[in-house]
Amino acid sequence: MSKRVINFAQVLISAFTINNSGQIAMADSDDKAVVISLP
């Protein structure tokens, strides 16, 4: 795997935060939270 791919993955991971209820939240360009509930 190239460094470019690894760095891209790290940026994607760092863009997401996981809260205490097991949801993944990502702020979009309008500063609204996009929340994904995990099963």
PDB file of N, CA and C in Angstrom:
ATOM      1  N   MET A   1       0.850  -1.198   0.000  1.00  0.00           N
ATOM      2  CA  MET A   1       0.000   0.000   0.000  1.00  0.00           C
ATOM      3  C   MET A   1       0.883   1.245   0.000  1.00  0.00           C
ATOM      4  N   SER A   2       0.544   2.187  -0.831  1.00  0.00           N
ATOM      5  CA  SER A   2       1.384   3.377  -0.929  1.00  0.00           C
ATOM      6  C   SER A   2       1.160   4.322   0.236  1.00  0.00           C
ATOM      7  N   LYS A   3       2.127   5.191   0.442  1.00  0.00           N
ATOM      8  CA  LYS A   3       1.991   6.174   1.516  1.00  0.00           C
ATOM      9  C   LYS A   3       0.791   7.076   1.276  1.00  0.00           C
ATOM     10  N   ARG A   4       0.518   7.383   0.030  1.00  0.00           N
ATOM     11  CA  ARG A   4      -0.607   8.265  -0.279  1.00  0.00           C
ATOM     12  C   ARG A   4      -1.918   7.641   0.198  1.00  0.00           C
ATOM     13  N   VAL A   5      -2.093   6.350  -0.039  1.00  0.00           N
ATOM     14  CA  VAL A   5      -3.323   5.671   0.377  1.00  0.00           C
ATOM     15  C   VAL A   5      -3.426   5.637   1.896  1.00  0.00           C
ATOM     16  N   ILE A   6      -2.313   5.359   2.558  1.00  0.00           N
ATOM     17  CA  ILE A   6      -2.313   5.310   4.021  1.00  0.00           C
ATOM     18  C   ILE A   6      -2.647   6.677   4.603  1.00  0.00           C
ATOM     19  N   ASN A   7      -2.046   7.722   4.071  1.00  0.00           N
ATOM     20  CA  ASN A   7      -2.323   9.064   4.569  1.00  0.00           C
ATOM     21  C   ASN A   7      -3.778   9.446   4.335  1.00  0.00           C
ATOM     22  N   PHE A   8      -4.329   9.057   3.196  1.00  0.00           N
ATOM     23  CA  PHE A   8      -5.731   9.341   2.898  1.00  0.00           C
ATOM     24  C   PHE A   8      -6.637   8.646   3.906  1.00  0.00           C
ATOM     25  N   ALA A   9      -6.311   7.402   4.247  1.00  0.00           N
ATOM     26  CA  ALA A   9      -7.103   6.664   5.230  1.00  0.00           C
ATOM     27  C   ALA A   9      -7.024   7.327   6.599  1.00  0.00           C
ATOM     28  N   GLN A  10      -5.848   7.803   6.967  1.00  0.00           N
ATOM     29  CA  GLN A  10      -5.696   8.466   8.259  1.00  0.00           C
ATOM     30  C   GLN A  10      -6.515   9.747   8.320  1.00  0.00           C
ATOM     31  N   VAL A  11      -6.568  10.473   7.228  1.00  0.00           N
ATOM     32  CA  VAL A  11      -7.379  11.697   7.182  1.00  0.00           C
ATOM     33  C   VAL A  11      -8.856  11.359   7.316  1.00  0.00           C
ATOM     34  N   LEU A  12      -9.289  10.303   6.637  1.00  0.00           N
ATOM     35  CA  LEU A  12     -10.692   9.898   6.743  1.00  0.00           C
ATOM     36  C   LEU A  12     -11.037   9.500   8.171  1.00  0.00           C
ATOM     37  N   ILE A  13     -10.155   8.706   8.798  1.00  0.00           N
ATOM     38  CA  ILE A  13     -10.405   8.257  10.164  1.00  0.00           C
ATOM     39  C   ILE A  13     -10.441   9.440  11.121  1.00  0.00           C
ATOM     40  N   SER A  14      -9.520  10.385  10.942  1.00  0.00           N
ATOM     41  CA  SER A  14      -9.455  11.521  11.852  1.00  0.00           C
ATOM     42  C   SER A  14     -10.652  12.452  11.676  1.00  0.00           C
ATOM     43  N   ALA A  15     -11.348  12.360  10.544  1.00  0.00           N
ATOM     44  CA  ALA A  15     -12.509  13.210  10.307  1.00  0.00           C
ATOM     45  C   ALA A  15     -13.727  12.732  11.085  1.00  0.00           C
ATOM     46  N   PHE A  16     -13.664  11.495  11.579  1.00  0.00           N
ATOM     47  CA  PHE A  16     -14.785  10.927  12.302  1.00  0.00           C
ATOM     48  C   PHE A  16     -14.501  10.891  13.795  1.00  0.00           C
ATOM     49  N   THR A  17     -15.540  11.088  14.579  1.00  0.00           N
ATOM     50  CA  THR A  17     -15.430  10.908  16.018  1.00  0.00           C
ATOM     51  C   THR A  17     -16.519   9.945  16.464  1.00  0.00           C
ATOM     52  N   ILE A  18     -16.198   9.121  17.451  1.00  0.00           N
ATOM     53  CA  ILE A  18     -17.166   8.153  17.963  1.00  0.00           C
ATOM     54  C   ILE A  18     -17.590   8.599  19.356  1.00  0.00           C
ATOM     55  N   ASN A  19     -18.886   8.784  19.552  1.00  0.00           N
ATOM     56  CA  ASN A  19     -19.347   9.232  20.856  1.00  0.00           C
ATOM     57  C   ASN A  19     -19.665   8.043  21.761  1.00  0.00           C
ATOM     58  N   ASN A  20     -20.101   8.325  22.975  1.00  0.00           N
ATOM     59  CA  ASN A  20     -20.265   7.281  23.982  1.00  0.00           C
ATOM     60  C   ASN A  20     -21.369   6.286  23.648  1.00  0.00           C
ATOM     61  N   SER A  21     -22.318   6.685  22.814  1.00  0.00           N
ATOM     62  CA  SER A  21     -23.427   5.792  22.497  1.00  0.00           C
ATOM     63  C   SER A  21     -23.138   4.932  21.272  1.00  0.00           C
ATOM     64  N   GLY A  22     -21.880   4.912  20.845  1.00  0.00           N
ATOM     65  CA  GLY A  22     -21.496   4.050  19.739  1.00  0.00           C
ATOM     66  C   GLY A  22     -21.909   4.577  18.386  1.00  0.00           C
ATOM     67  N   GLN A  23     -22.042   5.894  18.274  1.00  0.00           N
ATOM     68  CA  GLN A  23     -22.383   6.491  16.994  1.00  0.00           C
ATOM     69  C   GLN A  23     -21.155   7.161  16.399  1.00  0.00           C
ATOM     70  N   ILE A  24     -21.099   7.201  15.093  1.00  0.00           N
ATOM     71  CA  ILE A  24     -20.011   7.897  14.415  1.00  0.00           C
ATOM     72  C   ILE A  24     -20.562   9.238  13.929  1.00  0.00           C
ATOM     73  N   ALA A  25     -19.892  10.315  14.312  1.00  0.00           N
ATOM     74  CA  ALA A  25     -20.349  11.641  13.903  1.00  0.00           C
ATOM     75  C   ALA A  25     -19.284  12.314  13.057  1.00  0.00           C
ATOM     76  N   MET A  26     -19.703  12.974  11.991  1.00  0.00           N
ATOM     77  CA  MET A  26     -18.780  13.731  11.160  1.00  0.00           C
ATOM     78  C   MET A  26     -19.409  15.074  10.841  1.00  0.00           C
ATOM     79  N   ALA A  27     -18.672  16.151  11.050  1.00  0.00           N
ATOM     80  CA  ALA A  27     -19.187  17.478  10.723  1.00  0.00           C
ATOM     81  C   ALA A  27     -19.043  17.709   9.224  1.00  0.00           C
ATOM     82  N   ASP A  28     -20.126  18.136   8.597  1.00  0.00           N
ATOM     83  CA  ASP A  28     -20.040  18.434   7.169  1.00  0.00           C
ATOM     84  C   ASP A  28     -19.689  19.904   6.966  1.00  0.00           C
ATOM     85  N   SER A  29     -19.746  20.360   5.740  1.00  0.00           N
ATOM     86  CA  SER A  29     -19.279  21.709   5.423  1.00  0.00           C
ATOM     87  C   SER A  29     -20.155  22.793   6.041  1.00  0.00           C
ATOM     88  N   ASP A  30     -21.381  22.442   6.405  1.00  0.00           N
ATOM     89  CA  ASP A  30     -22.291  23.412   7.013  1.00  0.00           C
ATOM     90  C   ASP A  30     -22.267  23.326   8.533  1.00  0.00           C
ATOM     91  N   ASP A  31     -21.273  22.638   9.075  1.00  0.00           N
ATOM     92  CA  ASP A  31     -21.117  22.471  10.519  1.00  0.00           C
ATOM     93  C   ASP A  31     -22.299  21.744  11.151  1.00  0.00           C
ATOM     94  N   LYS A  32     -22.992  20.946  10.362  1.00  0.00           N
ATOM     95  CA  LYS A  32     -24.038  20.101  10.916  1.00  0.00           C
ATOM     96  C   LYS A  32     -23.436  18.717  11.126  1.00  0.00           C
ATOM     97  N   ALA A  33     -23.880  18.035  12.151  1.00  0.00           N
ATOM     98  CA  ALA A  33     -23.314  16.717  12.439  1.00  0.00           C
ATOM     99  C   ALA A  33     -24.023  15.653  11.609  1.00  0.00           C
ATOM    100  N   VAL A  34     -23.237  14.829  10.948  1.00  0.00           N
ATOM    101  CA  VAL A  34     -23.781  13.666  10.254  1.00  0.00           C
ATOM    102  C   VAL A  34     -23.543  12.474  11.170  1.00  0.00           C
ATOM    103  N   VAL A  35     -24.619  11.874  11.646  1.00  0.00           N
ATOM    104  CA  VAL A  35     -24.493  10.816  12.647  1.00  0.00           C
ATOM    105  C   VAL A  35     -24.886   9.484  12.033  1.00  0.00           C
ATOM    106  N   ILE A  36     -24.036   8.496  12.230  1.00  0.00           N
ATOM    107  CA  ILE A  36     -24.293   7.147  11.728  1.00  0.00           C
ATOM    108  C   ILE A  36     -24.383   6.220  12.928  1.00  0.00           C
ATOM    109  N   SER A  37     -25.539   5.597  13.133  1.00  0.00           N
ATOM    110  CA  SER A  37     -25.698   4.681  14.259  1.00  0.00           C
ATOM    111  C   SER A  37     -25.146   3.311  13.892  1.00  0.00           C
ATOM    112  N   LEU A  38     -24.374   2.738  14.793  1.00  0.00           N
ATOM    113  CA  LEU A  38     -23.817   1.410  14.564  1.00  0.00           C
ATOM    114  C   LEU A  38     -24.729   0.364  15.184  1.00  0.00           C
ATOM    115  N   PRO A  39     -24.863  -0.764  14.540  1.00  0.00           N
ATOM    116  CA  PRO A  39     -25.723  -1.825  15.076  1.00  0.00           C
ATOM    117  C   PRO A  39     -25.149  -2.408  16.354  1.00  0.00           C
TER     118      PRO A  39
END
